[in-house]
Amino acid sequence: MSEELERNVMHTSTDERTRQWSLILHLSQFAGYLVPGLGFIAPILIWQIKKAELPGLDPHGRAVTNWMISLIIYLGAAFLLAFVLIGMPLLVILGILGVVFPIVGALKASNGQVWKYPLAIPFF
């Protein structure tokens, strides 16, 4: 009976740690507001370092990385379109999504759900 209890405690502990690291992974995108480029590097580092220890973190890492790469592509296109004024509203919308999507992803991760970011191109 104690072995079963120990397995349940270990399983719960792993699930809780996966949720915590998933939450951190999503919110680490905001590190780019403090140090330029860190919002792109930090989530990838967290994902790569922790995915072997916490396999449940892998889908979160894929979702965040797909979103970040997609966002860079969209920002590049919107910047080019800004010269014909169409890109200005797109840049504003992408700025808003760049704040809202990581927060939603973090909230879902804290509940143990994997949230695939809308508009993210599936690279991984």
PDB file of N, CA and C in Angstrom:
ATOM      1  N   MET A   1       0.821  -1.191   0.000  1.00  0.00           N
ATOM      2  CA  MET A   1       0.000   0.000   0.000  1.00  0.00           C
ATOM      3  C   MET A   1       0.867   1.258   0.000  1.00  0.00           C
ATOM      4  N   SER A   2       1.977   1.253   0.708  1.00  0.00           N
ATOM      5  CA  SER A   2       2.809   2.446   0.773  1.00  0.00           C
ATOM      6  C   SER A   2       3.499   2.725  -0.569  1.00  0.00           C
ATOM      7  N   GLU A   3       3.798   1.663  -1.350  1.00  0.00           N
ATOM      8  CA  GLU A   3       4.393   1.858  -2.671  1.00  0.00           C
ATOM      9  C   GLU A   3       3.418   2.590  -3.593  1.00  0.00           C
ATOM     10  N   GLU A   4       2.158   2.229  -3.530  1.00  0.00           N
ATOM     11  CA  GLU A   4       1.148   2.888  -4.347  1.00  0.00           C
ATOM     12  C   GLU A   4       1.005   4.359  -3.954  1.00  0.00           C
ATOM     13  N   LEU A   5       1.008   4.628  -2.658  1.00  0.00           N
ATOM     14  CA  LEU A   5       0.938   6.007  -2.175  1.00  0.00           C
ATOM     15  C   LEU A   5       2.156   6.797  -2.634  1.00  0.00           C
ATOM     16  N   GLU A   6       3.332   6.182  -2.562  1.00  0.00           N
ATOM     17  CA  GLU A   6       4.560   6.845  -3.000  1.00  0.00           C
ATOM     18  C   GLU A   6       4.514   7.153  -4.495  1.00  0.00           C
ATOM     19  N   ARG A   7       3.999   6.219  -5.297  1.00  0.00           N
ATOM     20  CA  ARG A   7       3.863   6.459  -6.745  1.00  0.00           C
ATOM     21  C   ARG A   7       2.899   7.601  -7.020  1.00  0.00           C
ATOM     22  N   ASN A   8       1.793   7.654  -6.281  1.00  0.00           N
ATOM     23  CA  ASN A   8       0.823   8.744  -6.460  1.00  0.00           C
ATOM     24  C   ASN A   8       1.424  10.082  -6.085  1.00  0.00           C
ATOM     25  N   VAL A   9       2.207  10.115  -5.017  1.00  0.00           N
ATOM     26  CA  VAL A   9       2.851  11.352  -4.601  1.00  0.00           C
ATOM     27  C   VAL A   9       3.856  11.791  -5.654  1.00  0.00           C
ATOM     28  N   MET A  10       4.643  10.851  -6.191  1.00  0.00           N
ATOM     29  CA  MET A  10       5.618  11.187  -7.226  1.00  0.00           C
ATOM     30  C   MET A  10       4.916  11.674  -8.483  1.00  0.00           C
ATOM     31  N   HIS A  11       3.806  11.023  -8.853  1.00  0.00           N
ATOM     32  CA  HIS A  11       3.058  11.417 -10.046  1.00  0.00           C
ATOM     33  C   HIS A  11       2.482  12.821  -9.873  1.00  0.00           C
ATOM     34  N   THR A  12       1.903  13.091  -8.716  1.00  0.00           N
ATOM     35  CA  THR A  12       1.351  14.418  -8.440  1.00  0.00           C
ATOM     36  C   THR A  12       2.451  15.463  -8.444  1.00  0.00           C
ATOM     37  N   SER A  13       3.574  15.116  -7.862  1.00  0.00           N
ATOM     38  CA  SER A  13       4.692  16.050  -7.815  1.00  0.00           C
ATOM     39  C   SER A  13       5.183  16.383  -9.224  1.00  0.00           C
ATOM     40  N   THR A  14       5.288  15.384 -10.086  1.00  0.00           N
ATOM     41  CA  THR A  14       5.727  15.603 -11.468  1.00  0.00           C
ATOM     42  C   THR A  14       4.710  16.448 -12.224  1.00  0.00           C
ATOM     43  N   ASP A  15       3.426  16.163 -12.038  1.00  0.00           N
ATOM     44  CA  ASP A  15       2.387  16.954 -12.698  1.00  0.00           C
ATOM     45  C   ASP A  15       2.432  18.409 -12.245  1.00  0.00           C
ATOM     46  N   GLU A  16       2.612  18.611 -10.958  1.00  0.00           N
ATOM     47  CA  GLU A  16       2.666  19.974 -10.429  1.00  0.00           C
ATOM     48  C   GLU A  16       3.893  20.710 -10.954  1.00  0.00           C
ATOM     49  N   ARG A  17       5.020  20.031 -11.002  1.00  0.00           N
ATOM     50  CA  ARG A  17       6.238  20.660 -11.526  1.00  0.00           C
ATOM     51  C   ARG A  17       6.085  20.967 -13.010  1.00  0.00           C
ATOM     52  N   THR A  18       5.427  20.077 -13.755  1.00  0.00           N
ATOM     53  CA  THR A  18       5.197  20.325 -15.179  1.00  0.00           C
ATOM     54  C   THR A  18       4.322  21.559 -15.351  1.00  0.00           C
ATOM     55  N   ARG A  19       3.293  21.686 -14.539  1.00  0.00           N
ATOM     56  CA  ARG A  19       2.426  22.869 -14.620  1.00  0.00           C
ATOM     57  C   ARG A  19       3.199  24.143 -14.296  1.00  0.00           C
ATOM     58  N   GLN A  20       4.019  24.087 -13.256  1.00  0.00           N
ATOM     59  CA  GLN A  20       4.792  25.269 -12.878  1.00  0.00           C
ATOM     60  C   GLN A  20       5.766  25.679 -13.986  1.00  0.00           C
ATOM     61  N   TRP A  21       6.500  24.712 -14.516  1.00  0.00           N
ATOM     62  CA  TRP A  21       7.471  25.036 -15.563  1.00  0.00           C
ATOM     63  C   TRP A  21       6.774  25.446 -16.854  1.00  0.00           C
ATOM     64  N   SER A  22       5.600  24.894 -17.119  1.00  0.00           N
ATOM     65  CA  SER A  22       4.834  25.314 -18.297  1.00  0.00           C
ATOM     66  C   SER A  22       4.399  26.765 -18.159  1.00  0.00           C
ATOM     67  N   LEU A  23       3.949  27.118 -16.977  1.00  0.00           N
ATOM     68  CA  LEU A  23       3.558  28.500 -16.694  1.00  0.00           C
ATOM     69  C   LEU A  23       4.760  29.436 -16.884  1.00  0.00           C
ATOM     70  N   ILE A  24       5.887  29.054 -16.324  1.00  0.00           N
ATOM     71  CA  ILE A  24       7.105  29.860 -16.470  1.00  0.00           C
ATOM     72  C   ILE A  24       7.515  29.953 -17.928  1.00  0.00           C
ATOM     73  N   LEU A  25       7.403  28.861 -18.646  1.00  0.00           N
ATOM     74  CA  LEU A  25       7.769  28.824 -20.066  1.00  0.00           C
ATOM     75  C   LEU A  25       6.961  29.845 -20.867  1.00  0.00           C
ATOM     76  N   HIS A  26       5.662  29.858 -20.664  1.00  0.00           N
ATOM     77  CA  HIS A  26       4.813  30.809 -21.391  1.00  0.00           C
ATOM     78  C   HIS A  26       5.115  32.254 -20.996  1.00  0.00           C
ATOM     79  N   LEU A  27       5.248  32.503 -19.702  1.00  0.00           N
ATOM     80  CA  LEU A  27       5.474  33.870 -19.237  1.00  0.00           C
ATOM     81  C   LEU A  27       6.895  34.367 -19.500  1.00  0.00           C
ATOM     82  N   SER A  28       7.828  33.449 -19.756  1.00  0.00           N
ATOM     83  CA  SER A  28       9.210  33.871 -20.013  1.00  0.00           C
ATOM     84  C   SER A  28       9.340  34.674 -21.305  1.00  0.00           C
ATOM     85  N   GLN A  29       8.307  34.653 -22.127  1.00  0.00           N
ATOM     86  CA  GLN A  29       8.328  35.474 -23.333  1.00  0.00           C
ATOM     87  C   GLN A  29       8.385  36.967 -22.989  1.00  0.00           C
ATOM     88  N   PHE A  30       7.905  37.319 -21.820  1.00  0.00           N
ATOM     89  CA  PHE A  30       7.923  38.723 -21.396  1.00  0.00           C
ATOM     90  C   PHE A  30       9.314  39.185 -20.970  1.00  0.00           C
ATOM     91  N   ALA A  31      10.259  38.271 -20.842  1.00  0.00           N
ATOM     92  CA  ALA A  31      11.629  38.652 -20.481  1.00  0.00           C
ATOM     93  C   ALA A  31      12.240  39.564 -21.541  1.00  0.00           C
ATOM     94  N   GLY A  32      11.717  39.507 -22.753  1.00  0.00           N
ATOM     95  CA  GLY A  32      12.196  40.363 -23.823  1.00  0.00           C
ATOM     96  C   GLY A  32      11.919  41.836 -23.581  1.00  0.00           C
ATOM     97  N   TYR A  33      10.990  42.143 -22.696  1.00  0.00           N
ATOM     98  CA  TYR A  33      10.721  43.536 -22.364  1.00  0.00           C
ATOM     99  C   TYR A  33      11.798  44.096 -21.435  1.00  0.00           C
ATOM    100  N   LEU A  34      12.476  43.202 -20.719  1.00  0.00           N
ATOM    101  CA  LEU A  34      13.559  43.620 -19.829  1.00  0.00           C
ATOM    102  C   LEU A  34      14.906  43.639 -20.548  1.00  0.00           C
ATOM    103  N   VAL A  35      15.179  42.563 -21.271  1.00  0.00           N
ATOM    104  CA  VAL A  35      16.439  42.430 -22.014  1.00  0.00           C
ATOM    105  C   VAL A  35      16.088  42.015 -23.442  1.00  0.00           C
ATOM    106  N   PRO A  36      16.400  42.842 -24.422  1.00  0.00           N
ATOM    107  CA  PRO A  36      16.056  42.494 -25.808  1.00  0.00           C
ATOM    108  C   PRO A  36      16.631  41.125 -26.209  1.00  0.00           C
ATOM    109  N   GLY A  37      15.763  40.320 -26.809  1.00  0.00           N
ATOM    110  CA  GLY A  37      16.159  38.990 -27.268  1.00  0.00           C
ATOM    111  C   GLY A  37      15.944  37.895 -26.243  1.00  0.00           C
ATOM    112  N   LEU A  38      15.891  38.252 -24.964  1.00  0.00           N
ATOM    113  CA  LEU A  38      15.727  37.246 -23.920  1.00  0.00           C
ATOM    114  C   LEU A  38      14.344  36.595 -23.968  1.00  0.00           C
ATOM    115  N   GLY A  39      13.354  37.315 -24.454  1.00  0.00           N
ATOM    116  CA  GLY A  39      12.013  36.749 -24.577  1.00  0.00           C
ATOM    117  C   GLY A  39      11.931  35.658 -25.619  1.00  0.00           C
ATOM    118  N   PHE A  40      12.915  35.599 -26.494  1.00  0.00           N
ATOM    119  CA  PHE A  40      12.977  34.534 -27.492  1.00  0.00           C
ATOM    120  C   PHE A  40      13.884  33.404 -27.008  1.00  0.00           C
ATOM    121  N   ILE A  41      14.952  33.750 -26.334  1.00  0.00           N
ATOM    122  CA  ILE A  41      15.932  32.757 -25.896  1.00  0.00           C
ATOM    123  C   ILE A  41      15.461  31.990 -24.656  1.00  0.00           C
ATOM    124  N   ALA A  42      14.918  32.687 -23.676  1.00  0.00           N
ATOM    125  CA  ALA A  42      14.530  32.056 -22.407  1.00  0.00           C
ATOM    126  C   ALA A  42      13.530  30.911 -22.578  1.00  0.00           C
ATOM    127  N   PRO A  43      12.433  31.085 -23.339  1.00  0.00           N
ATOM    128  CA  PRO A  43      11.497  29.957 -23.481  1.00  0.00           C
ATOM    129  C   PRO A  43      12.135  28.741 -24.158  1.00  0.00           C
ATOM    130  N   ILE A  44      12.983  28.996 -25.146  1.00  0.00           N
ATOM    131  CA  ILE A  44      13.623  27.870 -25.841  1.00  0.00           C
ATOM    132  C   ILE A  44      14.590  27.151 -24.910  1.00  0.00           C
ATOM    133  N   LEU A  45      15.342  27.905 -24.111  1.00  0.00           N
ATOM    134  CA  LEU A  45      16.257  27.277 -23.152  1.00  0.00           C
ATOM    135  C   LEU A  45      15.500  26.462 -22.112  1.00  0.00           C
ATOM    136  N   ILE A  46      14.445  27.029 -21.570  1.00  0.00           N
ATOM    137  CA  ILE A  46      13.645  26.302 -20.576  1.00  0.00           C
ATOM    138  C   ILE A  46      13.110  25.014 -21.185  1.00  0.00           C
ATOM    139  N   TRP A  47      12.573  25.111 -22.374  1.00  0.00           N
ATOM    140  CA  TRP A  47      12.006  23.945 -23.060  1.00  0.00           C
ATOM    141  C   TRP A  47      13.070  22.882 -23.274  1.00  0.00           C
ATOM    142  N   GLN A  48      14.215  23.258 -23.791  1.00  0.00           N
ATOM    143  CA  GLN A  48      15.248  22.282 -24.114  1.00  0.00           C
ATOM    144  C   GLN A  48      15.882  21.662 -22.872  1.00  0.00           C
ATOM    145  N   ILE A  49      16.036  22.438 -21.821  1.00  0.00           N
ATOM    146  CA  ILE A  49      16.667  21.921 -20.606  1.00  0.00           C
ATOM    147  C   ILE A  49      15.722  21.022 -19.815  1.00  0.00           C
ATOM    148  N   LYS A  50      14.456  21.363 -19.759  1.00  0.00           N
ATOM    149  CA  LYS A  50      13.510  20.665 -18.891  1.00  0.00           C
ATOM    150  C   LYS A  50      12.685  19.578 -19.579  1.00  0.00           C
ATOM    151  N   LYS A  51      12.700  19.502 -20.923  1.00  0.00           N
ATOM    152  CA  LYS A  51      11.788  18.564 -21.584  1.00  0.00           C
ATOM    153  C   LYS A  51      12.129  17.101 -21.315  1.00  0.00           C
ATOM    154  N   ALA A  52      13.410  16.772 -21.068  1.00  0.00           N
ATOM    155  CA  ALA A  52      13.765  15.386 -20.754  1.00  0.00           C
ATOM    156  C   ALA A  52      13.301  15.008 -19.352  1.00  0.00           C
ATOM    157  N   GLU A  53      13.398  15.958 -18.429  1.00  0.00           N
ATOM    158  CA  GLU A  53      12.997  15.723 -17.040  1.00  0.00           C
ATOM    159  C   GLU A  53      11.475  15.720 -16.890  1.00  0.00           C
ATOM    160  N   LEU A  54      10.811  16.600 -17.645  1.00  0.00           N
ATOM    161  CA  LEU A  54       9.356  16.740 -17.577  1.00  0.00           C
ATOM    162  C   LEU A  54       8.773  16.601 -18.980  1.00  0.00           C
ATOM    163  N   PRO A  55       8.455  15.376 -19.417  1.00  0.00           N
ATOM    164  CA  PRO A  55       7.960  15.176 -20.787  1.00  0.00           C
ATOM    165  C   PRO A  55       6.686  15.957 -21.115  1.00  0.00           C
ATOM    166  N   GLY A  56       5.889  16.276 -20.124  1.00  0.00           N
ATOM    167  CA  GLY A  56       4.670  17.051 -20.352  1.00  0.00           C
ATOM    168  C   GLY A  56       4.944  18.486 -20.754  1.00  0.00           C
ATOM    169  N   LEU A  57       6.178  18.932 -20.602  1.00  0.00           N
ATOM    170  CA  LEU A  57       6.561  20.292 -20.966  1.00  0.00           C
ATOM    171  C   LEU A  57       6.793  20.436 -22.469  1.00  0.00           C
ATOM    172  N   ASP A  58       7.077  19.327 -23.140  1.00  0.00           N
ATOM    173  CA  ASP A  58       7.410  19.373 -24.567  1.00  0.00           C
ATOM    174  C   ASP A  58       6.331  20.007 -25.439  1.00  0.00           C
ATOM    175  N   PRO A  59       5.050  19.641 -25.293  1.00  0.00           N
ATOM    176  CA  PRO A  59       4.040  20.289 -26.143  1.00  0.00           C
ATOM    177  C   PRO A  59       3.921  21.793 -25.895  1.00  0.00           C
ATOM    178  N   HIS A  60       4.154  22.221 -24.661  1.00  0.00           N
ATOM    179  CA  HIS A  60       4.124  23.655 -24.354  1.00  0.00           C
ATOM    180  C   HIS A  60       5.282  24.361 -25.056  1.00  0.00           C
ATOM    181  N   GLY A  61       6.446  23.751 -25.006  1.00  0.00           N
ATOM    182  CA  GLY A  61       7.609  24.329 -25.662  1.00  0.00           C
ATOM    183  C   GLY A  61       7.424  24.450 -27.157  1.00  0.00           C
ATOM    184  N   ARG A  62       6.817  23.432 -27.743  1.00  0.00           N
ATOM    185  CA  ARG A  62       6.543  23.468 -29.186  1.00  0.00           C
ATOM    186  C   ARG A  62       5.556  24.590 -29.520  1.00  0.00           C
ATOM    187  N   ALA A  63       4.514  24.707 -28.712  1.00  0.00           N
ATOM    188  CA  ALA A  63       3.497  25.736 -28.965  1.00  0.00           C
ATOM    189  C   ALA A  63       4.097  27.136 -28.847  1.00  0.00           C
ATOM    190  N   VAL A  64       4.892  27.363 -27.819  1.00  0.00           N
ATOM    191  CA  VAL A  64       5.500  28.684 -27.616  1.00  0.00           C
ATOM    192  C   VAL A  64       6.488  28.992 -28.733  1.00  0.00           C
ATOM    193  N   THR A  65       7.309  28.029 -29.094  1.00  0.00           N
ATOM    194  CA  THR A  65       8.309  28.262 -30.147  1.00  0.00           C
ATOM    195  C   THR A  65       7.636  28.517 -31.486  1.00  0.00           C
ATOM    196  N   ASN A  66       6.607  27.743 -31.799  1.00  0.00           N
ATOM    197  CA  ASN A  66       5.866  27.984 -33.045  1.00  0.00           C
ATOM    198  C   ASN A  66       5.287  29.392 -33.067  1.00  0.00           C
ATOM    199  N   TRP A  67       4.741  29.836 -31.933  1.00  0.00           N
ATOM    200  CA  TRP A  67       4.162  31.177 -31.871  1.00  0.00           C
ATOM    201  C   TRP A  67       5.235  32.248 -32.045  1.00  0.00           C
ATOM    202  N   MET A  68       6.365  32.077 -31.384  1.00  0.00           N
ATOM    203  CA  MET A  68       7.411  33.105 -31.469  1.00  0.00           C
ATOM    204  C   MET A  68       7.957  33.229 -32.889  1.00  0.00           C
ATOM    205  N   ILE A  69       8.174  32.107 -33.550  1.00  0.00           N
ATOM    206  CA  ILE A  69       8.660  32.158 -34.935  1.00  0.00           C
ATOM    207  C   ILE A  69       7.603  32.781 -35.837  1.00  0.00           C
ATOM    208  N   SER A  70       6.355  32.387 -35.643  1.00  0.00           N
ATOM    209  CA  SER A  70       5.263  32.956 -36.439  1.00  0.00           C
ATOM    210  C   SER A  70       5.145  34.454 -36.211  1.00  0.00           C
ATOM    211  N   LEU A  71       5.267  34.880 -34.968  1.00  0.00           N
ATOM    212  CA  LEU A  71       5.165  36.301 -34.645  1.00  0.00           C
ATOM    213  C   LEU A  71       6.271  37.098 -35.328  1.00  0.00           C
ATOM    214  N   ILE A  72       7.473  36.560 -35.364  1.00  0.00           N
ATOM    215  CA  ILE A  72       8.572  37.248 -36.046  1.00  0.00           C
ATOM    216  C   ILE A  72       8.267  37.392 -37.537  1.00  0.00           C
ATOM    217  N   ILE A  73       7.732  36.356 -38.138  1.00  0.00           N
ATOM    218  CA  ILE A  73       7.365  36.412 -39.562  1.00  0.00           C
ATOM    219  C   ILE A  73       6.271  37.454 -39.784  1.00  0.00           C
ATOM    220  N   TYR A  74       5.245  37.419 -38.930  1.00  0.00           N
ATOM    221  CA  TYR A  74       4.142  38.367 -39.074  1.00  0.00           C
ATOM    222  C   TYR A  74       4.605  39.807 -38.855  1.00  0.00           C
ATOM    223  N   LEU A  75       5.484  40.010 -37.883  1.00  0.00           N
ATOM    224  CA  LEU A  75       5.998  41.361 -37.633  1.00  0.00           C
ATOM    225  C   LEU A  75       6.814  41.869 -38.816  1.00  0.00           C
ATOM    226  N   GLY A  76       7.593  40.991 -39.423  1.00  0.00           N
ATOM    227  CA  GLY A  76       8.365  41.382 -40.608  1.00  0.00           C
ATOM    228  C   GLY A  76       7.461  41.795 -41.750  1.00  0.00           C
ATOM    229  N   ALA A  77       6.415  41.005 -41.980  1.00  0.00           N
ATOM    230  CA  ALA A  77       5.474  41.325 -43.052  1.00  0.00           C
ATOM    231  C   ALA A  77       4.724  42.628 -42.748  1.00  0.00           C
ATOM    232  N   ALA A  78       4.302  42.803 -41.492  1.00  0.00           N
ATOM    233  CA  ALA A  78       3.580  44.029 -41.117  1.00  0.00           C
ATOM    234  C   ALA A  78       4.490  45.243 -41.222  1.00  0.00           C
ATOM    235  N   PHE A  79       5.761  45.084 -40.879  1.00  0.00           N
ATOM    236  CA  PHE A  79       6.703  46.196 -41.002  1.00  0.00           C
ATOM    237  C   PHE A  79       6.846  46.623 -42.465  1.00  0.00           C
ATOM    238  N   LEU A  80       6.945  45.633 -43.352  1.00  0.00           N
ATOM    239  CA  LEU A  80       7.031  45.967 -44.781  1.00  0.00           C
ATOM    240  C   LEU A  80       5.755  46.627 -45.278  1.00  0.00           C
ATOM    241  N   LEU A  81       4.621  46.168 -44.792  1.00  0.00           N
ATOM    242  CA  LEU A  81       3.344  46.748 -45.189  1.00  0.00           C
ATOM    243  C   LEU A  81       3.104  48.123 -44.555  1.00  0.00           C
ATOM    244  N   ALA A  82       3.869  48.451 -43.519  1.00  0.00           N
ATOM    245  CA  ALA A  82       3.717  49.760 -42.877  1.00  0.00           C
ATOM    246  C   ALA A  82       4.075  50.886 -43.834  1.00  0.00           C
ATOM    247  N   PHE A  83       4.900  50.595 -44.834  1.00  0.00           N
ATOM    248  CA  PHE A  83       5.266  51.627 -45.800  1.00  0.00           C
ATOM    249  C   PHE A  83       4.088  52.026 -46.679  1.00  0.00           C
ATOM    250  N   VAL A  84       3.076  51.157 -46.765  1.00  0.00           N
ATOM    251  CA  VAL A  84       1.863  51.507 -47.500  1.00  0.00           C
ATOM    252  C   VAL A  84       0.679  51.697 -46.540  1.00  0.00           C
ATOM    253  N   LEU A  85       0.997  51.921 -45.270  1.00  0.00           N
ATOM    254  CA  LEU A  85       0.062  52.236 -44.192  1.00  0.00           C
ATOM    255  C   LEU A  85      -0.849  51.086 -43.756  1.00  0.00           C
ATOM    256  N   ILE A  86      -0.880  50.009 -44.496  1.00  0.00           N
ATOM    257  CA  ILE A  86      -1.707  48.861 -44.084  1.00  0.00           C
ATOM    258  C   ILE A  86      -1.095  48.174 -42.869  1.00  0.00           C
ATOM    259  N   GLY A  87       0.214  48.208 -42.780  1.00  0.00           N
ATOM    260  CA  GLY A  87       0.907  47.493 -41.715  1.00  0.00           C
ATOM    261  C   GLY A  87       0.788  48.111 -40.340  1.00  0.00           C
ATOM    262  N   MET A  88       0.469  49.400 -40.267  1.00  0.00           N
ATOM    263  CA  MET A  88       0.371  50.051 -38.949  1.00  0.00           C
ATOM    264  C   MET A  88      -0.667  49.387 -38.044  1.00  0.00           C
ATOM    265  N   PRO A  89      -1.906  49.199 -38.512  1.00  0.00           N
ATOM    266  CA  PRO A  89      -2.869  48.501 -37.638  1.00  0.00           C
ATOM    267  C   PRO A  89      -2.440  47.058 -37.352  1.00  0.00           C
ATOM    268  N   LEU A  90      -1.788  46.428 -38.313  1.00  0.00           N
ATOM    269  CA  LEU A  90      -1.322  45.059 -38.086  1.00  0.00           C
ATOM    270  C   LEU A  90      -0.265  45.010 -36.992  1.00  0.00           C
ATOM    271  N   LEU A  91       0.628  45.985 -36.969  1.00  0.00           N
ATOM    272  CA  LEU A  91       1.644  46.041 -35.924  1.00  0.00           C
ATOM    273  C   LEU A  91       1.009  46.215 -34.544  1.00  0.00           C
ATOM    274  N   VAL A  92      -0.027  47.045 -34.470  1.00  0.00           N
ATOM    275  CA  VAL A  92      -0.734  47.245 -33.201  1.00  0.00           C
ATOM    276  C   VAL A  92      -1.407  45.947 -32.759  1.00  0.00           C
ATOM    277  N   ILE A  93      -2.086  45.299 -33.690  1.00  0.00           N
ATOM    278  CA  ILE A  93      -2.769  44.037 -33.372  1.00  0.00           C
ATOM    279  C   ILE A  93      -1.762  42.980 -32.932  1.00  0.00           C
ATOM    280  N   LEU A  94      -0.646  42.866 -33.638  1.00  0.00           N
ATOM    281  CA  LEU A  94       0.376  41.884 -33.266  1.00  0.00           C
ATOM    282  C   LEU A  94       0.980  42.208 -31.903  1.00  0.00           C
ATOM    283  N   GLY A  95       1.125  43.492 -31.590  1.00  0.00           N
ATOM    284  CA  GLY A  95       1.610  43.884 -30.267  1.00  0.00           C
ATOM    285  C   GLY A  95       0.669  43.437 -29.164  1.00  0.00           C
ATOM    286  N   ILE A  96      -0.615  43.589 -29.410  1.00  0.00           N
ATOM    287  CA  ILE A  96      -1.622  43.156 -28.429  1.00  0.00           C
ATOM    288  C   ILE A  96      -1.601  41.639 -28.287  1.00  0.00           C
ATOM    289  N   LEU A  97      -1.560  40.932 -29.415  1.00  0.00           N
ATOM    290  CA  LEU A  97      -1.532  39.470 -29.373  1.00  0.00           C
ATOM    291  C   LEU A  97      -0.261  38.956 -28.695  1.00  0.00           C
ATOM    292  N   GLY A  98       0.837  39.680 -28.873  1.00  0.00           N
ATOM    293  CA  GLY A  98       2.093  39.300 -28.242  1.00  0.00           C
ATOM    294  C   GLY A  98       2.051  39.384 -26.721  1.00  0.00           C
ATOM    295  N   VAL A  99       1.090  40.117 -26.189  1.00  0.00           N
ATOM    296  CA  VAL A  99       0.901  40.201 -24.738  1.00  0.00           C
ATOM    297  C   VAL A  99      -0.199  39.238 -24.290  1.00  0.00           C
ATOM    298  N   VAL A 100      -1.291  39.189 -25.028  1.00  0.00           N
ATOM    299  CA  VAL A 100      -2.454  38.394 -24.620  1.00  0.00           C
ATOM    300  C   VAL A 100      -2.196  36.894 -24.747  1.00  0.00           C
ATOM    301  N   PHE A 101      -1.608  36.458 -25.860  1.00  0.00           N
ATOM    302  CA  PHE A 101      -1.432  35.020 -26.087  1.00  0.00           C
ATOM    303  C   PHE A 101      -0.568  34.345 -25.016  1.00  0.00           C
ATOM    304  N   PRO A 102       0.573  34.915 -24.609  1.00  0.00           N
ATOM    305  CA  PRO A 102       1.338  34.253 -23.544  1.00  0.00           C
ATOM    306  C   PRO A 102       0.581  34.176 -22.210  1.00  0.00           C
ATOM    307  N   ILE A 103      -0.230  35.182 -21.930  1.00  0.00           N
ATOM    308  CA  ILE A 103      -1.009  35.152 -20.688  1.00  0.00           C
ATOM    309  C   ILE A 103      -2.052  34.040 -20.741  1.00  0.00           C
ATOM    310  N   VAL A 104      -2.754  33.928 -21.864  1.00  0.00           N
ATOM    311  CA  VAL A 104      -3.748  32.859 -22.012  1.00  0.00           C
ATOM    312  C   VAL A 104      -3.059  31.496 -21.948  1.00  0.00           C
ATOM    313  N   GLY A 105      -1.925  31.365 -22.630  1.00  0.00           N
ATOM    314  CA  GLY A 105      -1.174  30.105 -22.596  1.00  0.00           C
ATOM    315  C   GLY A 105      -0.739  29.748 -21.186  1.00  0.00           C
ATOM    316  N   ALA A 106      -0.311  30.745 -20.414  1.00  0.00           N
ATOM    317  CA  ALA A 106       0.104  30.506 -19.031  1.00  0.00           C
ATOM    318  C   ALA A 106      -1.077  30.084 -18.159  1.00  0.00           C
ATOM    319  N   LEU A 107      -2.222  30.722 -18.345  1.00  0.00           N
ATOM    320  CA  LEU A 107      -3.409  30.344 -17.574  1.00  0.00           C
ATOM    321  C   LEU A 107      -3.845  28.917 -17.886  1.00  0.00           C
ATOM    322  N   LYS A 108      -3.822  28.571 -19.168  1.00  0.00           N
ATOM    323  CA  LYS A 108      -4.177  27.199 -19.557  1.00  0.00           C
ATOM    324  C   LYS A 108      -3.160  26.210 -18.987  1.00  0.00           C
ATOM    325  N   ALA A 109      -1.869  26.561 -19.041  1.00  0.00           N
ATOM    326  CA  ALA A 109      -0.823  25.679 -18.525  1.00  0.00           C
ATOM    327  C   ALA A 109      -0.974  25.452 -17.023  1.00  0.00           C
ATOM    328  N   SER A 110      -1.380  26.483 -16.301  1.00  0.00           N
ATOM    329  CA  SER A 110      -1.565  26.325 -14.857  1.00  0.00           C
ATOM    330  C   SER A 110      -2.710  25.373 -14.537  1.00  0.00           C
ATOM    331  N   ASN A 111      -3.620  25.196 -15.507  1.00  0.00           N
ATOM    332  CA  ASN A 111      -4.712  24.229 -15.349  1.00  0.00           C
ATOM    333  C   ASN A 111      -4.375  22.867 -15.948  1.00  0.00           C
ATOM    334  N   GLY A 112      -3.145  22.726 -16.434  1.00  0.00           N
ATOM    335  CA  GLY A 112      -2.712  21.445 -16.985  1.00  0.00           C
ATOM    336  C   GLY A 112      -3.089  21.234 -18.432  1.00  0.00           C
ATOM    337  N   GLN A 113      -3.502  22.277 -19.127  1.00  0.00           N
ATOM    338  CA  GLN A 113      -3.901  22.169 -20.529  1.00  0.00           C
ATOM    339  C   GLN A 113      -2.813  22.734 -21.435  1.00  0.00           C
ATOM    340  N   VAL A 114      -2.689  22.145 -22.615  1.00  0.00           N
ATOM    341  CA  VAL A 114      -1.783  22.683 -23.626  1.00  0.00           C
ATOM    342  C   VAL A 114      -2.625  23.529 -24.561  1.00  0.00           C
ATOM    343  N   TRP A 115      -2.240  24.788 -24.740  1.00  0.00           N
ATOM    344  CA  TRP A 115      -2.979  25.701 -25.605  1.00  0.00           C
ATOM    345  C   TRP A 115      -2.134  26.010 -26.822  1.00  0.00           C
ATOM    346  N   LYS A 116      -2.624  25.626 -27.973  1.00  0.00           N
ATOM    347  CA  LYS A 116      -1.933  25.957 -29.207  1.00  0.00           C
ATOM    348  C   LYS A 116      -2.339  27.376 -29.596  1.00  0.00           C
ATOM    349  N   TYR A 117      -1.351  28.217 -29.740  1.00  0.00           N
ATOM    350  CA  TYR A 117      -1.605  29.616 -30.025  1.00  0.00           C
ATOM    351  C   TYR A 117      -2.296  29.758 -31.390  1.00  0.00           C
ATOM    352  N   PRO A 118      -3.416  30.483 -31.449  1.00  0.00           N
ATOM    353  CA  PRO A 118      -4.037  30.744 -32.751  1.00  0.00           C
ATOM    354  C   PRO A 118      -3.059  31.528 -33.632  1.00  0.00           C
ATOM    355  N   LEU A 119      -3.135  31.338 -34.901  1.00  0.00           N
ATOM    356  CA  LEU A 119      -2.283  32.002 -35.899  1.00  0.00           C
ATOM    357  C   LEU A 119      -0.858  31.480 -35.912  1.00  0.00           C
ATOM    358  N   ALA A 120      -0.508  30.560 -35.021  1.00  0.00           N
ATOM    359  CA  ALA A 120       0.856  30.020 -35.003  1.00  0.00           C
ATOM    360  C   ALA A 120       1.022  29.012 -36.140  1.00  0.00           C
ATOM    361  N   ILE A 121       2.098  29.167 -36.867  1.00  0.00           N
ATOM    362  CA  ILE A 121       2.413  28.231 -37.945  1.00  0.00           C
ATOM    363  C   ILE A 121       3.093  27.025 -37.310  1.00  0.00           C
ATOM    364  N   PRO A 122       2.624  25.808 -37.590  1.00  0.00           N
ATOM    365  CA  PRO A 122       3.207  24.622 -36.922  1.00  0.00           C
ATOM    366  C   PRO A 122       4.554  24.205 -37.539  1.00  0.00           C
ATOM    367  N   PHE A 123       5.636  24.746 -37.018  1.00  0.00           N
ATOM    368  CA  PHE A 123       6.971  24.378 -37.463  1.00  0.00           C
ATOM    369  C   PHE A 123       7.441  23.105 -36.771  1.00  0.00           C
ATOM    370  N   PHE A 124       7.100  22.967 -35.496  1.00  0.00           N
ATOM    371  CA  PHE A 124       7.560  21.812 -34.707  1.00  0.00           C
ATOM    372  C   PHE A 124       6.390  20.951 -34.313  1.00  0.00           C
TER     373      PHE A 124
END
